[in-house]
Amino acid sequence: MKPVKKILTALDFSEHSQVTLEHATHWARLVGAELVVISVINQRDVDAIQTANRYVDIPEMDDYVDKLRQGREEMLDQCASDSVCQGLSLQLLAPVGLPSREILKAIKETGCDLVVMGTQGHGAVSGALFGSVATRVVRRSPVPVMVVPMAVAA
């Protein structure tokens, strides 16, 4: 088994993100790994706002992605200053794109050995959906993926 030197954790800043971050930092400390924290700005959200802007002129829409990225980077900076992250080597990423694709791309580009991510369990129907981002990452990841179920937060 390959030693874990770098862990990627994907956060969406929902209420479950803190639990996911705690698991990722625990494992990073346990194995002495660097932590890469990624929070993807969903391209579909950007596209939806841009489509709406065609029908309702909102002057500040030109800066929308920049403002989204700045806000996401501020949340990542707050995450980095959280006591749970103290003492860890961190890399923060806030790309725009489809979440599963950006996470998979980051795994390869950063050389991560393990992924820690949460999932939104929505009952039996979610067997097909199981947090579609988590499902896609689990199926396509070249490295092990640890999924933190929402029930852990309860």
Protein backbone atom coordinates (compact mmCIF):
# COMPACT_ATOMS: atom_id res chain seq x y z
CA MET A 1 0.00 0.00 0.00
CA LYS A 2 1.30 3.42 -0.97
CA PRO A 3 1.93 5.78 1.99
CA VAL A 4 -0.46 8.73 2.29
CA LYS A 5 1.48 11.98 1.96
CA LYS A 6 -1.24 14.27 0.66
CA ILE A 7 -4.98 14.23 1.40
CA LEU A 8 -7.58 16.12 -0.61
CA THR A 9 -10.82 17.12 1.07
CA ALA A 10 -13.74 18.56 -0.87
CA LEU A 11 -15.97 21.06 0.93
CA ASP A 12 -19.18 22.71 -0.18
CA PHE A 13 -19.51 24.77 3.02
CA SER A 14 -22.81 23.17 3.95
CA GLU A 15 -23.39 22.40 7.63
CA HIS A 16 -21.83 18.97 7.04
CA SER A 17 -18.54 20.44 5.79
CA GLN A 18 -17.14 20.98 9.28
CA VAL A 19 -17.47 17.25 10.08
CA THR A 20 -15.81 16.35 6.78
CA LEU A 21 -12.99 18.79 7.52
CA GLU A 22 -12.53 17.31 11.00
CA HIS A 23 -12.16 13.82 9.53
CA ALA A 24 -9.69 15.04 6.90
CA THR A 25 -7.56 16.91 9.44
CA HIS A 26 -7.62 13.93 11.81
CA TRP A 27 -6.24 11.63 9.11
CA ALA A 28 -3.73 14.23 7.92
CA ARG A 29 -2.34 14.52 11.46
CA LEU A 30 -2.40 10.77 11.99
CA VAL A 31 -0.26 10.05 8.92
CA GLY A 32 1.65 13.35 8.76
CA ALA A 33 0.12 14.33 5.42
CA GLU A 34 -0.35 17.67 3.72
CA LEU A 35 -4.00 18.70 3.27
CA VAL A 36 -5.45 20.05 0.04
CA VAL A 37 -8.83 21.72 0.56
CA ILE A 38 -10.95 22.21 -2.57
CA SER A 39 -14.27 23.99 -2.87
CA VAL A 40 -15.61 24.03 -6.41
CA ILE A 41 -17.75 26.87 -7.70
CA ASN A 42 -20.32 24.95 -9.71
CA GLN A 43 -20.26 25.91 -13.38
CA ARG A 44 -23.96 25.05 -13.64
CA ASP A 45 -24.77 27.77 -11.07
CA VAL A 46 -22.68 30.27 -13.01
CA ASP A 47 -24.39 29.26 -16.27
CA ALA A 48 -27.85 29.60 -14.70
CA ILE A 49 -27.12 33.11 -13.45
CA GLN A 50 -25.68 34.11 -16.81
CA THR A 51 -28.78 32.76 -18.57
CA ALA A 52 -31.05 34.69 -16.20
CA ASN A 53 -28.98 37.80 -16.85
CA ARG A 54 -29.96 37.63 -20.53
CA TYR A 55 -33.54 38.38 -19.51
CA VAL A 56 -32.94 40.68 -16.55
CA ASP A 57 -30.08 43.12 -16.93
CA ILE A 58 -28.00 43.15 -13.78
CA PRO A 59 -24.96 45.40 -14.29
CA GLU A 60 -22.78 43.74 -11.65
CA MET A 61 -23.18 40.33 -13.35
CA ASP A 62 -19.93 40.88 -15.21
CA ASP A 63 -18.13 40.49 -11.91
CA TYR A 64 -20.27 37.59 -10.70
CA VAL A 65 -17.69 34.80 -11.08
CA ASP A 66 -14.96 37.00 -9.60
CA LYS A 67 -17.18 37.76 -6.61
CA LEU A 68 -18.07 34.08 -6.23
CA ARG A 69 -14.40 33.10 -6.34
CA GLN A 70 -13.45 35.85 -3.87
CA GLY A 71 -16.19 34.73 -1.49
CA ARG A 72 -15.15 31.10 -1.78
CA GLU A 73 -11.49 32.00 -1.21
CA GLU A 74 -12.50 33.94 1.92
CA MET A 75 -14.38 30.87 3.20
CA LEU A 76 -11.32 28.72 2.49
CA ASP A 77 -9.11 31.21 4.34
CA GLN A 78 -11.48 31.07 7.32
CA CYS A 79 -11.32 27.28 7.11
CA ALA A 80 -7.52 27.44 7.13
CA SER A 81 -7.53 29.62 10.23
CA ASP A 82 -9.93 27.23 12.01
CA SER A 83 -8.29 25.61 15.02
CA VAL A 84 -8.85 22.17 13.50
CA CYS A 85 -6.39 23.09 10.71
CA GLN A 86 -3.70 24.62 12.91
CA GLY A 87 -0.26 23.13 12.37
CA LEU A 88 -1.13 21.44 9.07
CA SER A 89 0.43 22.19 5.72
CA LEU A 90 -2.50 23.40 3.60
CA GLN A 91 -3.17 24.06 -0.05
CA LEU A 92 -6.45 25.83 -0.89
CA LEU A 93 -8.24 25.54 -4.26
CA ALA A 94 -11.40 27.26 -5.54
CA PRO A 95 -11.82 26.34 -9.21
CA VAL A 96 -14.90 26.98 -11.34
CA GLY A 97 -16.27 23.90 -13.09
CA LEU A 98 -18.29 20.75 -12.61
CA PRO A 99 -17.55 19.59 -9.05
CA SER A 100 -16.73 15.94 -9.72
CA ARG A 101 -14.52 16.81 -12.70
CA GLU A 102 -12.65 19.51 -10.78
CA ILE A 103 -12.11 17.20 -7.80
CA LEU A 104 -10.79 14.43 -10.05
CA LYS A 105 -8.57 16.90 -11.87
CA ALA A 106 -7.21 18.21 -8.53
CA ILE A 107 -6.42 14.66 -7.37
CA LYS A 108 -4.15 14.21 -10.38
CA GLU A 109 -2.67 17.72 -10.44
CA THR A 110 -1.82 17.82 -6.72
CA GLY A 111 -0.71 14.20 -6.40
CA CYS A 112 -3.11 13.35 -3.60
CA ASP A 113 -3.06 9.84 -2.16
CA LEU A 114 -6.46 9.92 -0.41
CA VAL A 115 -9.72 11.86 -0.76
CA VAL A 116 -12.02 12.67 2.16
CA MET A 117 -15.43 14.01 1.22
CA GLY A 118 -18.93 14.17 2.61
CA THR A 119 -22.17 13.07 1.09
CA GLN A 120 -25.72 14.23 1.52
CA GLY A 121 -27.69 11.07 2.29
CA HIS A 122 -31.25 11.57 1.07
CA GLY A 123 -32.72 8.18 1.90
CA ALA A 124 -33.36 5.18 -0.33
CA VAL A 125 -33.84 7.22 -3.48
CA SER A 126 -30.29 8.47 -3.12
CA GLY A 127 -28.96 5.00 -3.84
CA ALA A 128 -28.97 6.27 -7.39
CA LEU A 129 -28.00 9.78 -6.37
CA PHE A 130 -25.93 9.18 -3.13
CA GLY A 131 -24.55 12.63 -3.50
CA SER A 132 -23.94 12.45 -7.21
CA VAL A 133 -20.61 14.26 -6.84
CA ALA A 134 -19.41 11.73 -4.28
CA THR A 135 -20.62 8.86 -6.44
CA ARG A 136 -18.77 10.12 -9.50
CA VAL A 137 -15.58 10.71 -7.53
CA VAL A 138 -15.71 7.28 -5.87
CA ARG A 139 -16.24 5.58 -9.24
CA ARG A 140 -13.53 7.45 -11.11
CA SER A 141 -10.89 8.27 -8.51
CA PRO A 142 -7.41 6.85 -9.04
CA VAL A 143 -6.89 6.92 -5.24
CA PRO A 144 -8.94 5.69 -2.24
CA VAL A 145 -11.92 7.84 -1.24
CA MET A 146 -13.21 8.09 2.32
CA VAL A 147 -16.86 9.19 2.35
CA VAL A 148 -18.17 10.81 5.53
CA PRO A 149 -21.93 10.25 5.67
CA MET A 150 -24.12 13.06 6.88
CA ALA A 151 -25.35 10.81 9.72
CA VAL A 152 -21.90 11.16 11.35
CA ALA A 153 -22.70 14.82 12.05
CA ALA A 154 -25.83 13.93 13.99
